Amino acid sequence: MVKHNKGEPKTPIGSKEMQLKMMVYEIEKKKLKNLLRHVQKVSLTTNIWKSKNPKIEYMVVTGHWIDGNWKLQKKVLNFVHIRPPRRGVEISNAVFKCAKEWGIEGKIHTISVDNASNNDVVVRLLKYDFGRYKKLLGGGKLFHVRCCAHVLNLMVQDGLKKIADICENIRDSVDFVNKSDGRALLFAEIAQHLHIPRKKLLHDCRTRWNSTYEMLSCAIKYKEVFPRFQVREPLYESCPSSEDWEKVEKVCTILEKFYTTTHIISGSEYSTSNLFFPEILKVKKLSDA
């Protein structure tokens, strides 16, 4: 038992650990700030993420630059809660404040954002703020870089609407099978009988098409299992038809190209500008076919 002297304040459990973490944070922050003093140009990316519980939106600001050894560096500069209504002016102020705190407000090269409407306001305001330092390339003509991955996402989401009902059936099927151990075991037994390698069905995130693609491509491997599962499980009502699977297979053939392209141009360990146009050309040829 630890005895406290009379009048000595008790240290809350975990407070020392938190103090240690904050100390490490301040040390690493100081190191990064000193490093950024020697960087000539910094490009920014920013995005807003929503937590599930409670539903709070956070903005992440990430800095990208090439170091003295010609290696691409990527560091999270800020992770901040943005209060409603999250208009372009509030987002712009938060990004500029972040750049100023790190001492890089006169070193900003470009900013990459997705195609949300309020980002047009963000870019316009930041272009003016950062433009005052007379350091923007081409007078700011190249300041705004639209997120290619987000453009591809919009294209794919629009295409997926054509098979929205089928995707919903497959999503419901995956939910139904994974909802209980008994159903999952029965599904696995049927798959084993058909000599199909056992693998857990994947559920998707509705707002991320690559996640939906992974769900569909996984479910296709079990297209022969689902109707047999339906025979043995009377409560199962969302079994896709053979025609549905044919459509899904065709869509996945196209999505595979988009999936590969997105992974290549979204790489964070290497510069992707030299790979950008060849991959987009492949997508264009695919859309023209």
C-alpha atoms as a PDB file:
ATOM      1  CA  MET A   1       0.000   0.000   0.000  1.00  0.00           C
ATOM      2  CA  VAL A   2       1.308   3.441  -0.976  1.00  0.00           C
ATOM      3  CA  LYS A   3       1.001   5.975   1.835  1.00  0.00           C
ATOM      4  CA  HIS A   4       0.558   9.650   1.086  1.00  0.00           C
ATOM      5  CA  ASN A   5       1.796  12.297   3.467  1.00  0.00           C
ATOM      6  CA  LYS A   6      -0.864  14.431   5.000  1.00  0.00           C
ATOM      7  CA  GLY A   7      -1.702  17.314   2.754  1.00  0.00           C
ATOM      8  CA  GLU A   8       0.130  15.783  -0.235  1.00  0.00           C
ATOM      9  CA  PRO A   9      -2.088  15.877  -3.346  1.00  0.00           C
ATOM     10  CA  LYS A  10      -2.832  12.491  -4.849  1.00  0.00           C
ATOM     11  CA  THR A  11      -1.689  12.067  -8.443  1.00  0.00           C
ATOM     12  CA  PRO A  12      -4.603  10.887 -10.598  1.00  0.00           C
ATOM     13  CA  ILE A  13      -4.139   7.468 -12.162  1.00  0.00           C
ATOM     14  CA  GLY A  14      -2.629   7.817 -15.614  1.00  0.00           C
ATOM     15  CA  SER A  15      -1.653  11.478 -15.193  1.00  0.00           C
ATOM     16  CA  LYS A  16       2.072  10.693 -15.139  1.00  0.00           C
ATOM     17  CA  GLU A  17       1.702   8.614 -18.270  1.00  0.00           C
ATOM     18  CA  MET A  18      -0.145  11.478 -19.947  1.00  0.00           C
ATOM     19  CA  GLN A  19       2.544  13.946 -18.876  1.00  0.00           C
ATOM     20  CA  LEU A  20       5.191  11.658 -20.352  1.00  0.00           C
ATOM     21  CA  LYS A  21       3.302  11.427 -23.648  1.00  0.00           C
ATOM     22  CA  MET A  22       2.927  15.198 -23.791  1.00  0.00           C
ATOM     23  CA  MET A  23       6.643  15.592 -23.095  1.00  0.00           C
ATOM     24  CA  VAL A  24       7.496  13.240 -25.969  1.00  0.00           C
ATOM     25  CA  TYR A  25       5.034  15.108 -28.193  1.00  0.00           C
ATOM     26  CA  GLU A  26       6.640  18.484 -27.448  1.00  0.00           C
ATOM     27  CA  ILE A  27      10.127  17.078 -28.090  1.00  0.00           C
ATOM     28  CA  GLU A  28       9.107  15.589 -31.454  1.00  0.00           C
ATOM     29  CA  LYS A  29       7.220  18.753 -32.384  1.00  0.00           C
ATOM     30  CA  LYS A  30      10.322  20.837 -31.723  1.00  0.00           C
ATOM     31  CA  LYS A  31      12.421  18.476 -33.865  1.00  0.00           C
ATOM     32  CA  LEU A  32       9.979  18.734 -36.759  1.00  0.00           C
ATOM     33  CA  LYS A  33       9.776  22.501 -36.461  1.00  0.00           C
ATOM     34  CA  ASN A  34      13.567  22.759 -36.665  1.00  0.00           C
ATOM     35  CA  LEU A  35      13.536  20.432 -39.669  1.00  0.00           C
ATOM     36  CA  LEU A  36      10.931  22.536 -41.483  1.00  0.00           C
ATOM     37  CA  ARG A  37      13.161  25.606 -41.144  1.00  0.00           C
ATOM     38  CA  HIS A  38      15.471  24.062 -43.748  1.00  0.00           C
ATOM     39  CA  VAL A  39      12.704  23.020 -46.135  1.00  0.00           C
ATOM     40  CA  GLN A  40      12.194  25.314 -49.127  1.00  0.00           C
ATOM     41  CA  LYS A  41       8.770  24.204 -50.367  1.00  0.00           C
ATOM     42  CA  VAL A  42       5.935  22.376 -48.615  1.00  0.00           C
ATOM     43  CA  SER A  43       2.780  21.033 -50.232  1.00  0.00           C
ATOM     44  CA  LEU A  44      -0.329  20.541 -48.121  1.00  0.00           C
ATOM     45  CA  THR A  45      -3.182  18.078 -48.191  1.00  0.00           C
ATOM     46  CA  THR A  46      -6.232  18.353 -45.996  1.00  0.00           C
ATOM     47  CA  ASN A  47      -9.329  16.311 -45.387  1.00  0.00           C
ATOM     48  CA  ILE A  48     -12.130  16.067 -42.854  1.00  0.00           C
ATOM     49  CA  TRP A  49     -12.947  12.837 -41.044  1.00  0.00           C
ATOM     50  CA  LYS A  50     -15.992  12.036 -38.937  1.00  0.00           C
ATOM     51  CA  SER A  51     -15.782   9.895 -35.809  1.00  0.00           C
ATOM     52  CA  LYS A  52     -18.559   7.365 -35.237  1.00  0.00           C
ATOM     53  CA  ASN A  53     -19.330   7.874 -31.566  1.00  0.00           C
ATOM     54  CA  PRO A  54     -19.697  10.672 -30.808  1.00  0.00           C
ATOM     55  CA  LYS A  55     -20.112  12.067 -34.322  1.00  0.00           C
ATOM     56  CA  ILE A  56     -17.472  14.786 -34.386  1.00  0.00           C
ATOM     57  CA  GLU A  57     -15.644  16.043 -37.464  1.00  0.00           C
ATOM     58  CA  TYR A  58     -11.874  16.483 -37.412  1.00  0.00           C
ATOM     59  CA  MET A  59      -9.646  18.117 -39.987  1.00  0.00           C
ATOM     60  CA  VAL A  60      -6.228  16.680 -40.770  1.00  0.00           C
ATOM     61  CA  VAL A  61      -3.509  18.836 -42.355  1.00  0.00           C
ATOM     62  CA  THR A  62      -0.534  16.947 -43.779  1.00  0.00           C
ATOM     63  CA  GLY A  63       2.701  18.415 -45.111  1.00  0.00           C
ATOM     64  CA  HIS A  64       4.653  16.864 -47.999  1.00  0.00           C
ATOM     65  CA  TRP A  65       8.146  17.799 -49.183  1.00  0.00           C
ATOM     66  CA  ILE A  66      11.308  16.428 -50.754  1.00  0.00           C
ATOM     67  CA  ASP A  67      14.245  16.282 -48.331  1.00  0.00           C
ATOM     68  CA  GLY A  68      17.950  16.795 -49.035  1.00  0.00           C
ATOM     69  CA  ASN A  69      18.315  13.142 -50.027  1.00  0.00           C
ATOM     70  CA  TRP A  70      15.523  13.437 -52.589  1.00  0.00           C
ATOM     71  CA  LYS A  71      13.165  11.354 -50.485  1.00  0.00           C
ATOM     72  CA  LEU A  72       9.481  12.163 -50.187  1.00  0.00           C
ATOM     73  CA  GLN A  73       8.556  13.138 -46.631  1.00  0.00           C
ATOM     74  CA  LYS A  74       5.043  13.182 -45.195  1.00  0.00           C
ATOM     75  CA  LYS A  75       4.107  14.496 -41.742  1.00  0.00           C
ATOM     76  CA  VAL A  76       0.771  15.196 -40.059  1.00  0.00           C
ATOM     77  CA  LEU A  77       0.935  18.845 -39.011  1.00  0.00           C
ATOM     78  CA  ASN A  78      -2.455  19.260 -37.393  1.00  0.00           C
ATOM     79  CA  PHE A  79      -5.432  17.224 -36.245  1.00  0.00           C
ATOM     80  CA  VAL A  80      -8.126  19.585 -35.089  1.00  0.00           C
ATOM     81  CA  HIS A  81     -11.838  19.564 -34.356  1.00  0.00           C
ATOM     82  CA  ILE A  82     -13.737  21.868 -36.706  1.00  0.00           C
ATOM     83  CA  ARG A  83     -16.936  23.175 -35.166  1.00  0.00           C
ATOM     84  CA  PRO A  84     -20.139  23.563 -37.229  1.00  0.00           C
ATOM     85  CA  PRO A  85     -21.075  24.985 -39.648  1.00  0.00           C
ATOM     86  CA  ARG A  86     -17.613  24.182 -41.112  1.00  0.00           C
ATOM     87  CA  ARG A  87     -17.795  26.778 -43.856  1.00  0.00           C
ATOM     88  CA  GLY A  88     -14.921  27.435 -46.207  1.00  0.00           C
ATOM     89  CA  VAL A  89     -13.752  30.429 -44.197  1.00  0.00           C
ATOM     90  CA  GLU A  90     -13.407  28.390 -40.972  1.00  0.00           C
ATOM     91  CA  ILE A  91     -11.499  25.630 -42.754  1.00  0.00           C
ATOM     92  CA  SER A  92      -9.264  28.173 -44.484  1.00  0.00           C
ATOM     93  CA  ASN A  93      -8.476  29.923 -41.191  1.00  0.00           C
ATOM     94  CA  ALA A  94      -7.593  26.608 -39.544  1.00  0.00           C
ATOM     95  CA  VAL A  95      -5.205  25.636 -42.376  1.00  0.00           C
ATOM     96  CA  PHE A  96      -3.495  29.033 -42.416  1.00  0.00           C
ATOM     97  CA  LYS A  97      -3.189  29.042 -38.618  1.00  0.00           C
ATOM     98  CA  CYS A  98      -1.573  25.602 -38.796  1.00  0.00           C
ATOM     99  CA  ALA A  99       0.956  26.753 -41.409  1.00  0.00           C
ATOM    100  CA  LYS A 100       1.793  29.829 -39.354  1.00  0.00           C
ATOM    101  CA  GLU A 101       2.309  27.807 -36.164  1.00  0.00           C
ATOM    102  CA  TRP A 102       4.839  25.628 -37.993  1.00  0.00           C
ATOM    103  CA  GLY A 103       6.539  28.639 -39.575  1.00  0.00           C
ATOM    104  CA  ILE A 104       5.880  27.519 -43.153  1.00  0.00           C
ATOM    105  CA  GLU A 105       3.314  30.124 -44.227  1.00  0.00           C
ATOM    106  CA  GLY A 106       5.866  31.521 -46.709  1.00  0.00           C
ATOM    107  CA  LYS A 107       6.882  28.086 -48.045  1.00  0.00           C
ATOM    108  CA  ILE A 108       3.586  26.662 -49.251  1.00  0.00           C
ATOM    109  CA  HIS A 109       3.821  25.233 -52.774  1.00  0.00           C
ATOM    110  CA  THR A 110       0.440  23.630 -53.473  1.00  0.00           C
ATOM    111  CA  ILE A 111      -2.633  22.359 -51.639  1.00  0.00           C
ATOM    112  CA  SER A 112      -4.565  19.219 -52.585  1.00  0.00           C
ATOM    113  CA  VAL A 113      -8.221  18.892 -51.580  1.00  0.00           C
ATOM    114  CA  ASP A 114     -11.209  16.872 -52.729  1.00  0.00           C
ATOM    115  CA  ASN A 115     -14.016  18.299 -54.835  1.00  0.00           C
ATOM    116  CA  ALA A 116     -16.374  19.348 -52.039  1.00  0.00           C
ATOM    117  CA  SER A 117     -18.016  22.670 -52.897  1.00  0.00           C
ATOM    118  CA  ASN A 118     -16.769  24.461 -49.771  1.00  0.00           C
ATOM    119  CA  ASN A 119     -13.184  23.653 -50.777  1.00  0.00           C
ATOM    120  CA  ASP A 120     -13.472  26.123 -53.672  1.00  0.00           C
ATOM    121  CA  VAL A 121     -13.850  28.842 -51.041  1.00  0.00           C
ATOM    122  CA  VAL A 122     -10.998  27.354 -48.993  1.00  0.00           C
ATOM    123  CA  VAL A 123      -8.605  27.397 -51.942  1.00  0.00           C
ATOM    124  CA  ARG A 124      -9.549  30.935 -52.974  1.00  0.00           C
ATOM    125  CA  LEU A 125      -8.958  32.318 -49.475  1.00  0.00           C
ATOM    126  CA  LEU A 126      -5.719  30.399 -48.924  1.00  0.00           C
ATOM    127  CA  LYS A 127      -4.402  31.435 -52.318  1.00  0.00           C
ATOM    128  CA  TYR A 128      -4.831  35.045 -51.229  1.00  0.00           C
ATOM    129  CA  ASP A 129      -3.308  34.481 -47.763  1.00  0.00           C
ATOM    130  CA  PHE A 130      -0.281  32.501 -48.949  1.00  0.00           C
ATOM    131  CA  GLY A 131       0.039  34.652 -52.075  1.00  0.00           C
ATOM    132  CA  ARG A 132       0.999  37.643 -49.936  1.00  0.00           C
ATOM    133  CA  TYR A 133       4.414  36.038 -49.422  1.00  0.00           C
ATOM    134  CA  LYS A 134       5.082  36.068 -53.203  1.00  0.00           C
ATOM    135  CA  LYS A 135       6.281  32.450 -53.119  1.00  0.00           C
ATOM    136  CA  LEU A 136       3.505  30.641 -54.981  1.00  0.00           C
ATOM    137  CA  LEU A 137       4.673  28.915 -58.152  1.00  0.00           C
ATOM    138  CA  GLY A 138       3.495  30.662 -61.321  1.00  0.00           C
ATOM    139  CA  GLY A 139       1.781  33.323 -59.279  1.00  0.00           C
ATOM    140  CA  GLY A 140      -0.562  30.748 -57.804  1.00  0.00           C
ATOM    141  CA  LYS A 141      -1.719  29.208 -61.095  1.00  0.00           C
ATOM    142  CA  LEU A 142      -0.625  25.751 -59.891  1.00  0.00           C
ATOM    143  CA  PHE A 143      -1.638  26.260 -56.257  1.00  0.00           C
ATOM    144  CA  HIS A 144      -4.869  24.237 -56.360  1.00  0.00           C
ATOM    145  CA  VAL A 145      -4.344  20.505 -56.984  1.00  0.00           C
ATOM    146  CA  ARG A 146      -7.559  18.522 -57.218  1.00  0.00           C
ATOM    147  CA  CYS A 147      -7.431  15.131 -55.558  1.00  0.00           C
ATOM    148  CA  CYS A 148      -7.286  12.568 -58.376  1.00  0.00           C
ATOM    149  CA  ALA A 149      -8.294   9.733 -56.063  1.00  0.00           C
ATOM    150  CA  HIS A 150     -11.462  11.643 -55.155  1.00  0.00           C
ATOM    151  CA  VAL A 151     -12.263  12.295 -58.833  1.00  0.00           C
ATOM    152  CA  LEU A 152     -11.924   8.562 -59.506  1.00  0.00           C
ATOM    153  CA  ASN A 153     -14.114   7.895 -56.480  1.00  0.00           C
ATOM    154  CA  LEU A 154     -16.889  10.098 -57.889  1.00  0.00           C
ATOM    155  CA  MET A 155     -16.665   8.299 -61.224  1.00  0.00           C
ATOM    156  CA  VAL A 156     -16.896   4.857 -59.647  1.00  0.00           C
ATOM    157  CA  GLN A 157     -19.693   5.798 -57.240  1.00  0.00           C
ATOM    158  CA  ASP A 158     -21.708   7.056 -60.202  1.00  0.00           C
ATOM    159  CA  GLY A 159     -21.122   3.747 -62.001  1.00  0.00           C
ATOM    160  CA  LEU A 160     -22.032   1.657 -58.965  1.00  0.00           C
ATOM    161  CA  LYS A 161     -25.482   3.258 -58.938  1.00  0.00           C
ATOM    162  CA  LYS A 162     -26.282   1.069 -61.958  1.00  0.00           C
ATOM    163  CA  ILE A 163     -26.077  -2.048 -59.782  1.00  0.00           C
ATOM    164  CA  ALA A 164     -27.130  -0.475 -56.488  1.00  0.00           C
ATOM    165  CA  ASP A 165     -29.882  -3.051 -55.862  1.00  0.00           C
ATOM    166  CA  ILE A 166     -27.503  -5.945 -56.511  1.00  0.00           C
ATOM    167  CA  CYS A 167     -24.872  -4.454 -54.216  1.00  0.00           C
ATOM    168  CA  GLU A 168     -27.520  -4.094 -51.524  1.00  0.00           C
ATOM    169  CA  ASN A 169     -28.501  -7.771 -51.903  1.00  0.00           C
ATOM    170  CA  ILE A 170     -24.888  -8.878 -51.600  1.00  0.00           C
ATOM    171  CA  ARG A 171     -24.364  -6.553 -48.634  1.00  0.00           C
ATOM    172  CA  ASP A 172     -27.444  -8.008 -46.926  1.00  0.00           C
ATOM    173  CA  SER A 173     -26.234 -11.524 -47.743  1.00  0.00           C
ATOM    174  CA  VAL A 174     -22.854 -10.876 -46.157  1.00  0.00           C
ATOM    175  CA  ASP A 175     -24.546  -9.399 -43.085  1.00  0.00           C
ATOM    176  CA  PHE A 176     -26.881 -12.370 -42.816  1.00  0.00           C
ATOM    177  CA  VAL A 177     -24.110 -14.968 -43.005  1.00  0.00           C
ATOM    178  CA  ASN A 178     -21.764 -13.168 -40.630  1.00  0.00           C
ATOM    179  CA  LYS A 179     -24.476 -12.361 -38.101  1.00  0.00           C
ATOM    180  CA  SER A 180     -24.159 -15.682 -36.264  1.00  0.00           C
ATOM    181  CA  ASP A 181     -21.511 -18.363 -35.836  1.00  0.00           C
ATOM    182  CA  GLY A 182     -24.024 -21.027 -36.833  1.00  0.00           C
ATOM    183  CA  ARG A 183     -24.738 -19.430 -40.210  1.00  0.00           C
ATOM    184  CA  ALA A 184     -21.056 -18.782 -40.857  1.00  0.00           C
ATOM    185  CA  LEU A 185     -20.282 -22.420 -40.052  1.00  0.00           C
ATOM    186  CA  LEU A 186     -23.015 -23.684 -42.372  1.00  0.00           C
ATOM    187  CA  PHE A 187     -21.796 -21.389 -45.150  1.00  0.00           C
ATOM    188  CA  ALA A 188     -18.217 -22.638 -44.639  1.00  0.00           C
ATOM    189  CA  GLU A 189     -19.369 -26.283 -44.764  1.00  0.00           C
ATOM    190  CA  ILE A 190     -21.095 -25.736 -48.111  1.00  0.00           C
ATOM    191  CA  ALA A 191     -18.014 -23.957 -49.456  1.00  0.00           C
ATOM    192  CA  GLN A 192     -15.804 -26.824 -48.301  1.00  0.00           C
ATOM    193  CA  HIS A 193     -18.102 -29.348 -49.995  1.00  0.00           C
ATOM    194  CA  LEU A 194     -17.702 -27.373 -53.248  1.00  0.00           C
ATOM    195  CA  HIS A 195     -13.905 -27.277 -52.732  1.00  0.00           C
ATOM    196  CA  ILE A 196     -13.890 -23.496 -52.378  1.00  0.00           C
ATOM    197  CA  PRO A 197     -11.140 -22.182 -50.058  1.00  0.00           C
ATOM    198  CA  ARG A 198     -12.582 -20.906 -46.807  1.00  0.00           C
ATOM    199  CA  LYS A 199     -12.425 -17.142 -46.359  1.00  0.00           C
ATOM    200  CA  LYS A 200     -14.596 -14.822 -44.306  1.00  0.00           C
ATOM    201  CA  LEU A 201     -16.995 -12.695 -46.308  1.00  0.00           C
ATOM    202  CA  LEU A 202     -16.041  -9.034 -46.280  1.00  0.00           C
ATOM    203  CA  HIS A 203     -18.416  -6.232 -45.379  1.00  0.00           C
ATOM    204  CA  ASP A 204     -17.947  -2.856 -47.022  1.00  0.00           C
ATOM    205  CA  CYS A 205     -18.000   0.773 -46.029  1.00  0.00           C
ATOM    206  CA  ARG A 206     -20.744   2.351 -48.159  1.00  0.00           C
ATOM    207  CA  THR A 207     -18.848   5.607 -48.708  1.00  0.00           C
ATOM    208  CA  ARG A 208     -15.650   3.923 -49.916  1.00  0.00           C
ATOM    209  CA  TRP A 209     -15.975   2.296 -53.306  1.00  0.00           C
ATOM    210  CA  ASN A 210     -12.716   0.340 -52.939  1.00  0.00           C
ATOM    211  CA  SER A 211     -14.233  -1.298 -49.881  1.00  0.00           C
ATOM    212  CA  THR A 212     -17.349  -2.171 -51.911  1.00  0.00           C
ATOM    213  CA  TYR A 213     -15.133  -3.606 -54.647  1.00  0.00           C
ATOM    214  CA  GLU A 214     -13.352  -5.811 -52.114  1.00  0.00           C
ATOM    215  CA  MET A 215     -16.710  -7.020 -50.784  1.00  0.00           C
ATOM    216  CA  LEU A 216     -17.991  -7.841 -54.282  1.00  0.00           C
ATOM    217  CA  SER A 217     -14.807  -9.532 -55.488  1.00  0.00           C
ATOM    218  CA  CYS A 218     -14.762 -11.674 -52.337  1.00  0.00           C
ATOM    219  CA  ALA A 219     -18.456 -12.584 -52.604  1.00  0.00           C
ATOM    220  CA  ILE A 220     -18.079 -13.610 -56.269  1.00  0.00           C
ATOM    221  CA  LYS A 221     -15.875 -16.513 -55.197  1.00  0.00           C
ATOM    222  CA  TYR A 222     -18.884 -17.899 -53.300  1.00  0.00           C
ATOM    223  CA  LYS A 223     -21.591 -17.318 -55.910  1.00  0.00           C
ATOM    224  CA  GLU A 224     -22.286 -21.072 -56.014  1.00  0.00           C
ATOM    225  CA  VAL A 225     -22.519 -21.253 -52.240  1.00  0.00           C
ATOM    226  CA  PHE A 226     -25.248 -18.662 -51.715  1.00  0.00           C
ATOM    227  CA  PRO A 227     -28.116 -20.515 -53.497  1.00  0.00           C
ATOM    228  CA  ARG A 228     -27.239 -23.756 -51.672  1.00  0.00           C
ATOM    229  CA  PHE A 229     -27.093 -21.825 -48.424  1.00  0.00           C
ATOM    230  CA  GLN A 230     -30.565 -20.439 -49.170  1.00  0.00           C
ATOM    231  CA  VAL A 231     -31.973 -23.977 -49.500  1.00  0.00           C
ATOM    232  CA  ARG A 232     -30.703 -24.885 -46.031  1.00  0.00           C
ATOM    233  CA  GLU A 233     -31.463 -21.525 -44.384  1.00  0.00           C
ATOM    234  CA  PRO A 234     -35.135 -20.572 -44.904  1.00  0.00           C
ATOM    235  CA  LEU A 235     -34.730 -17.105 -43.350  1.00  0.00           C
ATOM    236  CA  TYR A 236     -32.235 -16.076 -46.028  1.00  0.00           C
ATOM    237  CA  GLU A 237     -34.107 -13.998 -48.648  1.00  0.00           C
ATOM    238  CA  SER A 238     -31.545 -11.801 -50.412  1.00  0.00           C
ATOM    239  CA  CYS A 239     -29.743 -14.351 -52.595  1.00  0.00           C
ATOM    240  CA  PRO A 240     -28.491 -12.756 -55.853  1.00  0.00           C
ATOM    241  CA  SER A 241     -29.539 -14.428 -59.099  1.00  0.00           C
ATOM    242  CA  SER A 242     -27.132 -15.854 -61.675  1.00  0.00           C
ATOM    243  CA  GLU A 243     -27.830 -12.789 -63.851  1.00  0.00           C
ATOM    244  CA  ASP A 244     -26.888 -10.563 -60.909  1.00  0.00           C
ATOM    245  CA  TRP A 245     -23.548 -12.335 -60.527  1.00  0.00           C
ATOM    246  CA  GLU A 246     -22.824 -11.884 -64.239  1.00  0.00           C
ATOM    247  CA  LYS A 247     -23.339  -8.130 -63.903  1.00  0.00           C
ATOM    248  CA  VAL A 248     -21.175  -8.000 -60.766  1.00  0.00           C
ATOM    249  CA  GLU A 249     -18.350  -9.887 -62.506  1.00  0.00           C
ATOM    250  CA  LYS A 250     -18.386  -7.412 -65.411  1.00  0.00           C
ATOM    251  CA  VAL A 251     -18.392  -4.440 -63.028  1.00  0.00           C
ATOM    252  CA  CYS A 252     -15.533  -5.911 -60.953  1.00  0.00           C
ATOM    253  CA  THR A 253     -13.443  -6.356 -64.107  1.00  0.00           C
ATOM    254  CA  ILE A 254     -13.687  -2.591 -64.626  1.00  0.00           C
ATOM    255  CA  LEU A 255     -13.321  -1.720 -60.948  1.00  0.00           C
ATOM    256  CA  GLU A 256     -10.105  -3.713 -60.758  1.00  0.00           C
ATOM    257  CA  LYS A 257      -8.457  -1.189 -63.095  1.00  0.00           C
ATOM    258  CA  PHE A 258      -9.679   1.725 -60.995  1.00  0.00           C
ATOM    259  CA  TYR A 259      -8.580  -0.089 -57.831  1.00  0.00           C
ATOM    260  CA  THR A 260      -5.040  -0.558 -59.143  1.00  0.00           C
ATOM    261  CA  THR A 261      -4.842   3.013 -60.411  1.00  0.00           C
ATOM    262  CA  THR A 262      -6.018   4.456 -57.095  1.00  0.00           C
ATOM    263  CA  HIS A 263      -3.396   2.499 -55.160  1.00  0.00           C
ATOM    264  CA  ILE A 264      -0.616   3.645 -57.496  1.00  0.00           C
ATOM    265  CA  ILE A 265      -1.444   7.360 -57.491  1.00  0.00           C
ATOM    266  CA  SER A 266      -2.188   7.371 -53.748  1.00  0.00           C
ATOM    267  CA  GLY A 267       1.230   6.051 -52.765  1.00  0.00           C
ATOM    268  CA  SER A 268       2.785   7.946 -49.872  1.00  0.00           C
ATOM    269  CA  GLU A 269       6.301   6.480 -49.974  1.00  0.00           C
ATOM    270  CA  TYR A 270       7.191   7.657 -53.470  1.00  0.00           C
ATOM    271  CA  SER A 271       6.476  10.494 -55.865  1.00  0.00           C
ATOM    272  CA  THR A 272       3.523   9.632 -58.119  1.00  0.00           C
ATOM    273  CA  SER A 273       3.558  12.465 -60.676  1.00  0.00           C
ATOM    274  CA  ASN A 274       5.486  10.333 -63.172  1.00  0.00           C
ATOM    275  CA  LEU A 275       2.857   7.577 -62.836  1.00  0.00           C
ATOM    276  CA  PHE A 276      -0.200   9.802 -62.872  1.00  0.00           C
ATOM    277  CA  PHE A 277      -0.873  10.282 -66.582  1.00  0.00           C
ATOM    278  CA  PRO A 278      -0.164   6.689 -67.742  1.00  0.00           C
ATOM    279  CA  GLU A 279      -2.664   5.382 -65.187  1.00  0.00           C
ATOM    280  CA  ILE A 280      -5.303   7.976 -66.099  1.00  0.00           C
ATOM    281  CA  LEU A 281      -4.790   7.045 -69.760  1.00  0.00           C
ATOM    282  CA  LYS A 282      -5.598   3.419 -68.897  1.00  0.00           C
ATOM    283  CA  VAL A 283      -8.812   4.556 -67.227  1.00  0.00           C
ATOM    284  CA  LYS A 284      -9.738   6.678 -70.260  1.00  0.00           C
ATOM    285  CA  LYS A 285      -9.171   3.766 -72.638  1.00  0.00           C
ATOM    286  CA  LEU A 286     -11.338   1.624 -70.370  1.00  0.00           C
ATOM    287  CA  SER A 287     -14.166   4.193 -70.407  1.00  0.00           C
ATOM    288  CA  ASP A 288     -13.933   4.527 -74.197  1.00  0.00           C
ATOM    289  CA  ALA A 289     -14.150   0.762 -74.730  1.00  0.00           C
END
